[in-house]
């Protein structure tokens, strides 16, 4: 990996913990599990954790807190993590839909504009896209009456 251009080097902390950690609270964390295979014991197996963040306005500091959320949730649940960001407008969704470069990897939020979700009325579409169906139901719980 090539190093970025720099003019000064200073000693940094070697520990990855805080003596007085700041509180990091996501809006929601859902852990998806499956039944264990025979060789995995009897406990359900965690296959993915989904961190949900609802953002009503721009916050540039989120690109610093979201990687911490992802790392802590991954460490706690020992499974892959997805960061789902929900916004009220498409413009705000585009602002949050940027990759955060960590230097050793990156965090890529999955961003949805709640305003762009339309009701799902076709059962085949609902079967193909269950997450979008649930989100659309949350935004618009009743379908528009048909003419």
Protein backbone atom coordinates (compact mmCIF):
# COMPACT_ATOMS: atom_id res chain seq x y z
CA UNK A 1 0.00 0.00 0.00
CA UNK A 2 1.54 3.35 -0.96
CA UNK A 3 1.89 5.91 1.82
CA UNK A 4 0.19 9.28 1.44
CA UNK A 5 2.44 12.32 1.19
CA UNK A 6 3.38 13.63 4.65
CA UNK A 7 5.82 16.07 6.22
CA UNK A 8 5.92 15.03 9.88
CA UNK A 9 5.78 11.83 11.94
CA UNK A 10 4.85 11.76 15.63
CA UNK A 11 4.40 9.04 18.22
CA UNK A 12 0.79 7.86 18.61
CA UNK A 13 -1.00 5.78 21.23
CA UNK A 14 -0.45 2.03 21.04
CA UNK A 15 -3.59 1.00 22.90
CA UNK A 16 -6.88 0.71 21.05
CA UNK A 17 -9.03 1.43 24.09
CA UNK A 18 -10.19 4.60 25.79
CA UNK A 19 -9.77 5.30 29.48
CA UNK A 20 -12.97 7.37 29.28
CA UNK A 21 -14.75 6.07 26.18
CA UNK A 22 -17.32 8.21 24.48
CA UNK A 23 -20.75 6.68 24.24
CA UNK A 24 -21.58 5.34 20.78
CA UNK A 25 -25.25 4.52 20.33
CA UNK A 26 -26.67 3.43 17.00
CA UNK A 27 -30.40 3.65 16.37
CA UNK A 28 -30.81 -0.11 16.04
CA UNK A 29 -28.86 -3.35 15.64
CA UNK A 30 -30.54 -6.50 14.34
CA UNK A 31 -28.66 -9.81 14.30
CA UNK A 32 -29.63 -12.38 11.65
CA UNK A 33 -29.16 -15.99 12.71
CA UNK A 34 -29.58 -19.42 11.21
CA UNK A 35 -29.89 -22.86 12.80
CA UNK A 36 -26.53 -24.52 13.41
CA UNK A 37 -25.19 -27.28 11.22
CA UNK A 38 -24.52 -30.56 12.97
CA UNK A 39 -20.81 -29.78 13.53
CA UNK A 40 -21.56 -26.29 14.96
CA UNK A 41 -23.17 -27.27 18.26
CA UNK A 42 -26.68 -26.27 19.33
CA UNK A 43 -26.66 -22.46 19.48
CA UNK A 44 -27.98 -20.37 16.56
CA UNK A 45 -25.20 -19.11 14.25
CA UNK A 46 -24.96 -15.37 13.70
CA UNK A 47 -24.63 -14.68 9.98
CA UNK A 48 -25.01 -10.89 9.80
CA UNK A 49 -25.65 -7.87 11.98
CA UNK A 50 -27.48 -4.88 10.50
CA UNK A 51 -26.86 -1.49 12.08
CA UNK A 52 -29.68 0.92 11.23
CA UNK A 53 -29.16 4.66 11.39
CA UNK A 54 -31.97 7.15 10.64
CA UNK A 55 -30.55 10.49 9.52
CA UNK A 56 -32.83 13.52 9.23
CA UNK A 57 -30.04 15.98 8.48
CA UNK A 58 -26.38 16.12 7.47
CA UNK A 59 -23.77 15.21 10.07
CA UNK A 60 -20.16 15.11 8.89
CA UNK A 61 -19.02 13.37 12.10
CA UNK A 62 -21.02 10.25 11.20
CA UNK A 63 -18.18 9.14 8.93
CA UNK A 64 -16.06 8.88 12.09
CA UNK A 65 -18.61 7.24 14.38
CA UNK A 66 -20.03 4.70 11.89
CA UNK A 67 -16.73 2.80 11.49
CA UNK A 68 -16.59 2.54 15.30
CA UNK A 69 -20.17 1.19 15.37
CA UNK A 70 -19.28 -1.38 12.71
CA UNK A 71 -16.10 -2.48 14.49
CA UNK A 72 -17.79 -2.77 17.89
CA UNK A 73 -20.82 -4.67 16.56
CA UNK A 74 -18.56 -7.01 14.57
CA UNK A 75 -16.40 -7.61 17.63
CA UNK A 76 -19.40 -8.23 19.90
CA UNK A 77 -21.35 -10.53 17.57
CA UNK A 78 -18.46 -12.12 15.61
CA UNK A 79 -20.18 -11.84 12.23
CA UNK A 80 -20.23 -9.59 9.15
CA UNK A 81 -21.86 -6.17 9.61
CA UNK A 82 -23.98 -4.03 7.29
CA UNK A 83 -24.60 -0.34 7.99
CA UNK A 84 -28.07 0.67 6.76
CA UNK A 85 -28.71 4.43 6.63
CA UNK A 86 -32.25 5.73 6.14
CA UNK A 87 -32.82 9.34 5.04
CA UNK A 88 -35.96 11.34 4.27
CA UNK A 89 -34.68 12.74 0.95
CA UNK A 90 -32.71 11.51 -2.03
CA UNK A 91 -30.33 14.48 -1.78
CA UNK A 92 -29.42 13.59 1.80
CA UNK A 93 -29.06 9.92 0.83
CA UNK A 94 -26.50 10.90 -1.81
CA UNK A 95 -24.48 12.85 0.77
CA UNK A 96 -24.32 9.88 3.14
CA UNK A 97 -23.70 7.30 0.40
CA UNK A 98 -19.94 7.82 0.41
CA UNK A 99 -17.29 5.30 1.36
CA UNK A 100 -15.24 6.01 4.48
CA UNK A 101 -11.61 5.07 3.82
CA UNK A 102 -9.95 3.70 6.96
CA UNK A 103 -6.55 3.17 5.35
CA UNK A 104 -6.80 -0.57 6.09
CA UNK A 105 -10.26 -1.08 4.69
CA UNK A 106 -13.43 0.89 4.29
CA UNK A 107 -17.00 1.30 5.50
CA UNK A 108 -19.67 1.49 2.79
CA UNK A 109 -23.12 2.30 4.11
CA UNK A 110 -26.19 1.01 2.31
CA UNK A 111 -28.30 4.17 2.01
CA UNK A 112 -32.02 4.39 1.26
CA UNK A 113 -34.12 7.50 0.82
CA UNK A 114 -37.40 6.77 2.56
CA UNK A 115 -39.11 9.24 0.23
CA UNK A 116 -38.20 7.14 -2.80
CA UNK A 117 -39.70 3.91 -1.47
CA UNK A 118 -42.95 2.95 -3.13
CA UNK A 119 -45.52 0.46 -1.85
CA UNK A 120 -44.86 -3.15 -2.84
CA UNK A 121 -48.14 -4.66 -3.99
CA UNK A 122 -46.88 -7.62 -6.03
CA UNK A 123 -46.24 -10.75 -3.94
CA UNK A 124 -43.52 -11.98 -6.33
CA UNK A 125 -41.66 -8.67 -5.91
CA UNK A 126 -42.11 -8.89 -2.14
CA UNK A 127 -40.58 -12.40 -2.22
CA UNK A 128 -37.59 -11.15 -4.26
CA UNK A 129 -36.98 -8.03 -2.10
CA UNK A 130 -38.15 -8.67 1.47
CA UNK A 131 -36.02 -5.89 3.05
CA UNK A 132 -37.36 -3.25 0.67
CA UNK A 133 -40.88 -4.53 1.25
CA UNK A 134 -40.57 -4.15 5.03
CA UNK A 135 -39.05 -0.67 4.68
CA UNK A 136 -41.79 0.40 2.27
CA UNK A 137 -44.44 -0.87 4.69
CA UNK A 138 -42.86 1.20 7.46
CA UNK A 139 -43.02 4.35 5.34
CA UNK A 140 -46.41 3.70 3.75
CA UNK A 141 -48.29 1.14 5.86
CA UNK A 142 -51.40 1.18 3.65
CA UNK A 143 -51.45 0.85 -0.09
CA UNK A 144 -53.18 3.59 -2.04
CA UNK A 145 -56.70 2.56 -3.00
CA UNK A 146 -56.92 1.38 -6.59
CA UNK A 147 -59.06 3.47 -8.96
